[in-house]
Amino acid sequence: MASDKSTESNHTAKTRFCWTILLLLLVQTIGFGQTTRKYFVLLRDKANTPYSLQRPEQFLSQRAILRRQKQNISIKERDLPVNPAYVAQLQQAGAKIWFPSRWFNAVMVEATETVITSVLQLPCVKGIEFGRALSNFRIGADNQVNTSNQVSKFGKVEALSYGTSQAQITQIGVDRMHELGYHGEGMLIGVLDAGFQNADRVNFLSQLFTENRVLATYDFVKKETSVYEDDAHGIEVLSLIAATADNQLYGTAYKASFILLRTEDAASESKIEEANWVFGVEYADSAGVDVVSSSLGYTTFDNPATNYTYQDMDCLLYTSRRG
């Protein structure tokens, strides 16, 4: 009789143990099964920031500071970085930090719906851009695919052999600029695009690398430094500026230095790429670029519900009026 009770007790204990394990697995499955998305979290202010407008060297390069002085561009509160204490609060709430935006005073985060609900309750958070996620979080990589005839500046030089680029060069008068000795020397150009596939390998851009004129690269889509594996649109744009191939192709400013930034995901079209573009422009500005080249634009997206309407198309006029 005692043996039967012991057996029954053991069976009950095993049953409870099994139910406990199943419950834990169910809870874990529900937790892990939540979809993570990227959100552009807007912050309320830059109060109590450790950064100061009187010390711009804390967040801008010396080149960026000198460019602003030269062009009489004042450094304003919007140039201050996001308050790191606010970023820490987002992390503590469970959000994964991707990139901050000082101009928008915002942070792009990756989070589940549960986490973003907690984030929205933080006192430092103003809300979420568009009131929704920018896009689903996508995992995995995409499968994309001699000038010795020059003389001193301002001196007349023998015409370069432009080859097939002759028409485009002469159409905008760049041949005259080259004749006067201007080839982009001393200029820093930021190029924002979808990738610069094999740009570090092709002969017509080899001078960029042998002369160490690619000063920085960053991929805001994958959050890494290399930009040479993805889409080829960027190398096409870069070639129009920087190529040197006698009798074939010359770029308009082929002696300039460059910062190459990937902000566009060619495999999709979503508002997250607009955020990436903001991060890229801020990066370029803080590095002190003189010119930004960005042949990107957004009106329609993979999700038609997020498309811009005709009435939305007032941003360029607004920007122009602000100067």
Protein backbone atom coordinates (compact mmCIF):
# COMPACT_ATOMS: atom_id res chain seq x y z
CA MET A 1 0.00 0.00 0.00
CA ALA A 2 2.81 2.40 0.89
CA SER A 3 4.50 1.50 -2.37
CA ASP A 4 1.39 2.44 -4.35
CA LYS A 5 1.21 5.84 -2.62
CA SER A 6 4.89 6.45 -3.30
CA THR A 7 4.42 5.57 -6.98
CA GLU A 8 1.41 7.90 -7.21
CA SER A 9 3.36 10.69 -5.52
CA ASN A 10 6.27 10.27 -7.94
CA HIS A 11 3.87 10.28 -10.89
CA THR A 12 2.24 13.50 -9.63
CA ALA A 13 5.63 15.17 -9.17
CA LYS A 14 6.72 14.16 -12.68
CA THR A 15 3.45 15.46 -14.12
CA ARG A 16 3.86 18.81 -12.39
CA PHE A 17 7.48 19.00 -13.55
CA CYS A 18 6.43 18.36 -17.17
CA TRP A 19 3.71 21.00 -17.02
CA THR A 20 6.20 23.47 -15.57
CA ILE A 21 8.65 22.82 -18.40
CA LEU A 22 5.89 23.16 -21.00
CA LEU A 23 4.75 26.43 -19.46
CA LEU A 24 8.27 27.82 -19.48
CA LEU A 25 8.72 26.79 -23.10
CA LEU A 26 5.43 28.42 -23.99
CA VAL A 27 6.42 31.66 -22.27
CA GLN A 28 9.81 31.62 -23.97
CA THR A 29 8.25 30.90 -27.34
CA ILE A 30 5.85 33.79 -26.97
CA GLY A 31 8.68 36.09 -25.87
CA PHE A 32 11.13 35.05 -28.56
CA GLY A 33 8.44 34.98 -31.20
CA GLN A 34 7.77 38.71 -30.99
CA THR A 35 8.85 40.49 -34.14
CA THR A 36 11.54 43.11 -33.77
CA ARG A 37 11.15 46.26 -35.81
CA LYS A 38 13.05 49.48 -36.17
CA TYR A 39 11.57 52.69 -34.78
CA PHE A 40 12.68 56.32 -35.01
CA VAL A 41 12.21 57.44 -31.41
CA LEU A 42 11.85 61.20 -30.93
CA LEU A 43 13.25 62.71 -27.73
CA ARG A 44 11.81 65.67 -25.85
CA ASP A 45 14.88 67.87 -25.40
CA LYS A 46 18.62 68.09 -24.96
CA ALA A 47 18.47 69.24 -21.37
CA ASN A 48 21.44 68.50 -19.10
CA THR A 49 23.54 67.40 -22.04
CA PRO A 50 27.28 67.01 -21.35
CA TYR A 51 27.99 68.76 -24.66
CA SER A 52 28.36 72.50 -25.10
CA LEU A 53 28.01 74.91 -28.02
CA GLN A 54 31.13 76.61 -26.69
CA ARG A 55 33.10 73.39 -27.23
CA PRO A 56 32.13 72.16 -30.71
CA GLU A 57 35.31 70.10 -30.89
CA GLN A 58 33.49 67.62 -28.65
CA PHE A 59 31.21 66.58 -31.51
CA LEU A 60 32.53 68.13 -34.74
CA SER A 61 35.82 67.59 -36.52
CA GLN A 62 38.20 70.53 -36.88
CA ARG A 63 37.50 70.54 -40.60
CA ALA A 64 33.75 70.79 -39.94
CA ILE A 65 34.28 73.71 -37.55
CA LEU A 66 36.50 75.57 -40.04
CA ARG A 67 34.00 75.02 -42.86
CA ARG A 68 31.22 76.55 -40.77
CA GLN A 69 33.39 79.50 -39.87
CA LYS A 70 34.30 80.04 -43.51
CA GLN A 71 30.66 79.95 -44.60
CA ASN A 72 29.36 81.90 -41.57
CA ILE A 73 27.23 78.98 -40.40
CA SER A 74 26.61 79.20 -36.68
CA ILE A 75 26.62 76.11 -34.47
CA LYS A 76 23.19 75.70 -32.90
CA GLU A 77 21.50 73.47 -30.36
CA ARG A 78 20.35 71.10 -33.09
CA ASP A 79 24.04 70.32 -33.73
CA LEU A 80 24.46 68.98 -30.20
CA PRO A 81 24.50 65.17 -29.99
CA VAL A 82 21.63 63.27 -28.43
CA ASN A 83 21.88 63.23 -24.63
CA PRO A 84 23.75 59.98 -23.79
CA ALA A 85 21.69 59.64 -20.59
CA TYR A 86 18.55 59.37 -22.73
CA VAL A 87 20.20 56.74 -24.92
CA ALA A 88 21.06 54.77 -21.78
CA GLN A 89 17.41 54.89 -20.71
CA LEU A 90 16.32 53.46 -24.07
CA GLN A 91 18.83 50.63 -23.65
CA GLN A 92 17.67 49.94 -20.12
CA ALA A 93 14.11 49.64 -21.41
CA GLY A 94 15.32 46.83 -23.69
CA ALA A 95 15.77 48.65 -27.00
CA LYS A 96 18.76 47.91 -29.23
CA ILE A 97 20.40 51.16 -30.31
CA TRP A 98 21.22 51.60 -33.99
CA PHE A 99 21.99 55.26 -34.64
CA PRO A 100 21.23 58.64 -33.02
CA SER A 101 20.28 61.77 -34.97
CA ARG A 102 21.39 65.05 -33.48
CA TRP A 103 19.43 67.21 -35.96
CA PHE A 104 16.16 65.40 -35.27
CA ASN A 105 17.05 64.71 -31.61
CA ALA A 106 16.05 61.11 -32.16
CA VAL A 107 17.39 57.57 -31.99
CA MET A 108 16.70 54.66 -34.31
CA VAL A 109 16.16 51.56 -32.19
CA GLU A 110 15.25 47.94 -32.79
CA ALA A 111 12.60 46.62 -30.44
CA THR A 112 9.61 44.35 -29.98
CA GLU A 113 6.15 45.83 -29.48
CA THR A 114 6.43 45.12 -25.76
CA VAL A 115 9.73 46.98 -25.49
CA ILE A 116 8.61 49.94 -27.59
CA THR A 117 5.55 50.27 -25.33
CA SER A 118 7.93 50.61 -22.38
CA VAL A 119 10.10 53.06 -24.32
CA LEU A 120 7.12 55.32 -25.00
CA GLN A 121 6.49 55.59 -21.26
CA LEU A 122 9.92 57.09 -20.60
CA PRO A 123 9.79 60.80 -19.61
CA CYS A 124 12.53 61.66 -22.13
CA VAL A 125 10.58 60.23 -25.09
CA LYS A 126 8.33 62.51 -27.13
CA GLY A 127 6.97 59.84 -29.46
CA ILE A 128 7.71 57.83 -32.61
CA GLU A 129 8.12 59.26 -36.09
CA PHE A 130 5.04 58.39 -38.20
CA GLY A 131 3.56 56.73 -35.09
CA ARG A 132 4.72 53.31 -36.29
CA ALA A 133 7.73 51.17 -37.13
CA LEU A 134 9.92 52.23 -40.03
CA SER A 135 10.05 48.68 -41.39
CA ASN A 136 10.43 45.06 -40.39
CA PHE A 137 13.92 44.11 -39.29
CA ARG A 138 15.57 42.22 -42.13
CA ILE A 139 18.26 39.61 -41.45
CA GLY A 140 21.00 38.61 -43.85
CA ALA A 141 23.11 40.29 -46.47
CA ASP A 142 21.81 41.14 -49.88
CA ASN A 143 23.34 39.47 -52.95
CA GLN A 144 23.87 42.32 -55.39
CA VAL A 145 25.62 42.40 -57.24
CA ASN A 146 47.57 59.03 -66.40
CA THR A 147 47.27 62.76 -65.98
CA SER A 148 50.90 63.90 -66.39
CA ASN A 149 49.90 66.54 -68.94
CA GLN A 150 48.69 68.89 -66.20
CA VAL A 151 50.58 72.04 -65.25
CA SER A 152 50.23 74.49 -62.40
CA LYS A 153 46.84 75.76 -61.26
CA PHE A 154 45.39 78.55 -63.40
CA GLY A 155 47.82 77.66 -66.14
CA LYS A 156 46.61 76.50 -69.54
CA VAL A 157 46.96 72.73 -69.90
CA GLU A 158 46.63 70.31 -72.73
CA ALA A 159 43.06 68.97 -72.94
CA LEU A 160 42.48 65.65 -71.24
CA SER A 161 41.45 62.68 -73.34
CA TYR A 162 37.91 62.36 -71.98
CA GLY A 163 36.85 59.50 -74.22
CA THR A 164 33.17 58.63 -73.86
CA SER A 165 32.78 61.17 -71.06
CA GLN A 166 33.54 64.05 -73.44
CA ALA A 167 29.90 65.02 -74.02
CA GLN A 168 28.89 65.15 -70.36
CA ILE A 169 32.08 66.98 -69.36
CA THR A 170 31.76 69.71 -71.99
CA GLN A 171 27.99 70.05 -71.55
CA ILE A 172 28.43 71.48 -68.05
CA GLY A 173 31.74 73.25 -68.73
CA VAL A 174 33.95 71.02 -66.59
CA ASP A 175 36.58 70.88 -69.34
CA ARG A 176 37.13 74.61 -68.86
CA MET A 177 37.37 74.11 -65.10
CA HIS A 178 40.02 71.43 -65.65
CA GLU A 179 41.93 73.70 -68.04
CA LEU A 180 42.11 76.31 -65.30
CA GLY A 181 43.66 73.77 -62.94
CA TYR A 182 40.64 72.83 -60.83
CA HIS A 183 40.24 69.08 -60.36
CA GLY A 184 38.81 68.92 -56.85
CA GLU A 185 42.08 69.33 -54.97
CA GLY A 186 41.53 69.96 -51.27
CA MET A 187 37.79 69.22 -51.44
CA LEU A 188 36.08 66.54 -49.38
CA ILE A 189 32.98 64.98 -50.94
CA GLY A 190 30.49 62.73 -49.17
CA VAL A 191 28.72 60.24 -51.43
CA LEU A 192 25.53 58.62 -50.09
CA ASP A 193 24.23 55.70 -52.10
CA ALA A 194 23.20 52.03 -52.19
CA GLY A 195 26.72 50.59 -52.20
CA PHE A 196 30.00 50.88 -54.06
CA GLN A 197 30.47 47.35 -55.33
CA ASN A 198 34.14 46.62 -56.21
CA ALA A 199 35.09 50.30 -56.13
CA ASP A 200 38.29 49.34 -54.35
CA ARG A 201 39.26 46.99 -57.19
CA VAL A 202 38.53 48.68 -60.52
CA ASN A 203 41.38 50.35 -62.41
CA PHE A 204 39.58 53.60 -63.18
CA LEU A 205 39.27 54.39 -59.44
CA SER A 206 42.65 53.01 -58.38
CA GLN A 207 44.14 56.48 -57.82
CA LEU A 208 41.62 57.08 -55.04
CA PHE A 209 43.11 54.23 -53.07
CA THR A 210 46.79 54.50 -53.98
CA GLU A 211 46.66 58.16 -52.93
CA ASN A 212 44.58 57.37 -49.81
CA ARG A 213 41.78 59.75 -50.78
CA VAL A 214 38.95 57.61 -49.44
CA LEU A 215 39.05 58.95 -45.90
CA ALA A 216 36.17 56.99 -44.38
CA THR A 217 33.42 54.49 -45.22
CA TYR A 218 30.31 53.35 -43.38
CA ASP A 219 27.31 51.16 -44.11
CA PHE A 220 24.25 52.41 -42.22
CA VAL A 221 22.14 49.51 -43.52
CA LYS A 222 24.29 46.74 -42.05
CA LYS A 223 26.05 48.80 -39.36
CA GLU A 224 29.58 48.03 -40.54
CA THR A 225 32.48 49.90 -42.10
CA SER A 226 32.79 48.14 -45.48
CA VAL A 227 30.74 49.46 -48.41
CA TYR A 228 32.26 47.53 -51.31
CA GLU A 229 30.09 44.37 -51.41
CA ASP A 230 26.60 45.64 -52.17
CA ASP A 231 24.79 47.48 -54.95
CA ALA A 232 26.75 48.97 -57.87
CA HIS A 233 24.81 52.25 -58.21
CA GLY A 234 27.23 54.04 -55.91
CA ILE A 235 30.28 53.11 -57.97
CA GLU A 236 28.53 54.50 -61.05
CA VAL A 237 27.94 57.81 -59.29
CA LEU A 238 31.45 57.85 -57.81
CA SER A 239 32.92 57.21 -61.28
CA LEU A 240 31.26 60.36 -62.65
CA ILE A 241 33.16 62.34 -60.01
CA ALA A 242 36.40 60.47 -59.42
CA ALA A 243 37.29 58.23 -62.39
CA THR A 244 40.58 58.57 -64.23
CA ALA A 245 40.94 56.45 -67.38
CA ASP A 246 42.68 58.12 -70.29
CA ASN A 247 40.71 58.01 -73.56
CA GLN A 248 37.77 56.47 -71.69
CA LEU A 249 36.45 58.37 -68.67
CA TYR A 250 37.32 61.30 -66.45
CA GLY A 251 35.35 62.42 -63.46
CA THR A 252 34.46 66.03 -62.76
CA ALA A 253 36.50 66.31 -59.54
CA TYR A 254 38.90 63.39 -59.81
CA LYS A 255 41.46 64.85 -57.40
CA ALA A 256 39.04 65.30 -54.50
CA SER A 257 38.93 63.17 -51.35
CA PHE A 258 35.86 61.14 -50.43
CA ILE A 259 33.73 59.69 -47.68
CA LEU A 260 31.64 56.78 -48.98
CA LEU A 261 28.42 56.02 -47.11
CA ARG A 262 25.80 53.36 -47.80
CA THR A 263 22.34 54.46 -46.67
CA GLU A 264 20.11 52.82 -49.30
CA ASP A 265 18.99 49.18 -49.27
CA ALA A 266 18.46 48.42 -52.95
CA ALA A 267 16.55 45.22 -52.16
CA SER A 268 13.65 47.08 -50.53
CA GLU A 269 11.99 50.47 -50.29
CA SER A 270 10.92 51.62 -46.84
CA LYS A 271 11.04 54.70 -44.66
CA ILE A 272 13.96 53.28 -42.73
CA GLU A 273 16.14 54.36 -45.64
CA GLU A 274 15.13 57.97 -45.07
CA ALA A 275 16.39 57.61 -41.50
CA ASN A 276 19.61 56.03 -42.77
CA TRP A 277 20.03 59.02 -45.07
CA VAL A 278 19.73 61.40 -42.12
CA PHE A 279 22.41 59.49 -40.21
CA GLY A 280 24.65 59.55 -43.28
CA VAL A 281 24.30 63.30 -43.85
CA GLU A 282 24.99 64.04 -40.19
CA TYR A 283 28.06 61.81 -40.33
CA ALA A 284 29.28 63.63 -43.43
CA ASP A 285 28.61 67.05 -41.91
CA SER A 286 30.48 66.23 -38.71
CA ALA A 287 33.44 65.08 -40.81
CA GLY A 288 33.50 68.46 -42.55
CA VAL A 289 32.58 67.52 -46.11
CA ASP A 290 32.35 70.38 -48.61
CA VAL A 291 29.80 68.70 -50.86
CA VAL A 292 27.26 65.88 -50.47
CA SER A 293 26.35 63.81 -53.52
CA SER A 294 23.16 61.83 -53.04
CA SER A 295 21.17 60.58 -56.04
CA LEU A 296 18.42 59.16 -53.85
CA GLY A 297 14.77 60.09 -53.44
CA TYR A 298 11.70 58.60 -51.80
CA THR A 299 8.04 58.86 -52.81
CA THR A 300 6.69 55.30 -52.96
CA PHE A 301 7.47 52.29 -50.78
CA ASP A 302 6.96 48.53 -50.64
CA ASN A 303 4.02 49.18 -48.33
CA PRO A 304 1.69 51.47 -50.36
CA ALA A 305 0.10 52.72 -47.15
CA THR A 306 3.32 54.60 -46.39
CA ASN A 307 3.58 56.31 -49.81
CA TYR A 308 3.80 60.08 -49.93
CA THR A 309 0.94 61.99 -51.50
CA TYR A 310 1.11 65.07 -53.67
CA GLN A 311 0.15 67.17 -50.65
CA ASP A 312 3.18 65.81 -48.80
CA MET A 313 5.55 67.21 -51.42
CA ASP A 314 6.27 70.52 -49.73
CA CYS A 315 9.55 69.63 -48.00
CA LEU A 316 11.85 70.97 -50.74
CA LEU A 317 10.07 74.33 -50.79
CA TYR A 318 10.18 74.43 -47.01
CA THR A 319 13.89 73.63 -46.96
CA SER A 320 14.58 76.24 -49.63
CA ARG A 321 12.82 78.94 -47.65
CA ARG A 322 14.81 78.09 -44.55
CA GLY A 323 18.02 78.35 -46.54
